[in-house]
Amino acid sequence: MNARKQSDGRWAPWWVYVVIIVGANYAKQYFVQDWPVVVNAAITLVLVGALFLGITAVYRTMRGVDRQR
């Protein structure tokens, strides 16, 4: 068996999540840098959750087109 784990196609590569989430967080910080920490943390949690779901949905949609049934 390969040392690398075979992807089952349900999740995008880890680096896609990292790049998009870190970039979005930098952009968010530009707009909310003077807001209270609690509000900033809440926005970050919602942003990361929404991006995670969005990236996964887009990736699964794209992979579904390539798959033969």
Protein backbone atom coordinates (compact mmCIF):
# COMPACT_ATOMS: atom_id res chain seq x y z
CA MET A 1 0.00 0.00 0.00
CA ASN A 2 1.18 3.53 -0.71
CA ALA A 3 2.64 5.62 2.06
CA ARG A 4 0.34 8.44 0.98
CA LYS A 5 -3.31 8.08 1.77
CA GLN A 6 -5.60 7.97 -1.23
CA SER A 7 -8.12 10.81 -1.28
CA ASP A 8 -11.73 9.78 -1.57
CA GLY A 9 -12.63 13.04 -3.32
CA ARG A 10 -14.83 14.43 -0.55
CA TRP A 11 -12.37 17.07 0.65
CA ALA A 12 -10.26 19.62 -1.16
CA PRO A 13 -6.51 19.49 -0.55
CA TRP A 14 -5.55 21.02 2.81
CA TRP A 15 -3.62 23.86 1.23
CA VAL A 16 -6.74 25.16 -0.54
CA TYR A 17 -8.46 25.64 2.80
CA VAL A 18 -5.39 27.27 4.36
CA VAL A 19 -4.73 29.72 1.53
CA ILE A 20 -8.32 30.89 1.21
CA ILE A 21 -9.04 31.10 4.96
CA VAL A 22 -5.80 32.94 5.76
CA GLY A 23 -6.35 35.37 2.88
CA ALA A 24 -9.94 36.04 3.93
CA ASN A 25 -8.83 36.57 7.52
CA TYR A 26 -6.27 39.18 6.45
CA ALA A 27 -8.96 40.99 4.45
CA LYS A 28 -11.37 40.79 7.41
CA GLN A 29 -8.79 42.26 9.76
CA TYR A 30 -8.50 45.32 7.53
CA PHE A 31 -12.18 46.09 8.08
CA VAL A 32 -12.65 45.08 11.74
CA GLN A 33 -9.28 45.90 13.31
CA ASP A 34 -10.77 48.45 15.75
CA TRP A 35 -13.76 46.34 16.81
CA PRO A 36 -13.90 44.56 20.19
CA VAL A 37 -12.09 41.23 20.43
CA VAL A 38 -15.30 39.27 21.11
CA VAL A 39 -16.95 40.61 17.95
CA ASN A 40 -13.80 40.00 15.92
CA ALA A 41 -13.60 36.39 17.19
CA ALA A 42 -17.29 35.76 16.41
CA ILE A 43 -16.86 37.11 12.88
CA THR A 44 -13.77 34.92 12.43
CA LEU A 45 -15.63 31.78 13.51
CA VAL A 46 -18.54 32.47 11.16
CA LEU A 47 -16.18 33.36 8.31
CA VAL A 48 -14.07 30.22 8.71
CA GLY A 49 -17.14 27.99 8.97
CA ALA A 50 -18.76 29.51 5.89
CA LEU A 51 -15.53 29.30 3.88
CA PHE A 52 -14.96 25.69 4.92
CA LEU A 53 -18.45 24.71 3.80
CA GLY A 54 -18.18 26.77 0.61
CA ILE A 55 -14.80 25.38 -0.41
CA THR A 56 -15.98 21.83 0.24
CA ALA A 57 -19.20 22.34 -1.73
CA VAL A 58 -17.39 23.85 -4.71
CA TYR A 59 -14.73 21.13 -4.67
CA ARG A 60 -17.31 18.34 -4.51
CA THR A 61 -19.28 19.93 -7.35
CA MET A 62 -16.16 20.22 -9.49
CA ARG A 63 -15.08 16.64 -8.72
CA GLY A 64 -18.58 15.33 -9.42
CA VAL A 65 -18.38 16.59 -13.00
CA ASP A 66 -15.08 14.75 -13.58
CA ARG A 67 -16.30 11.43 -12.17
CA GLN A 68 -17.81 8.82 -14.42
CA ARG A 69 -20.82 6.99 -13.04
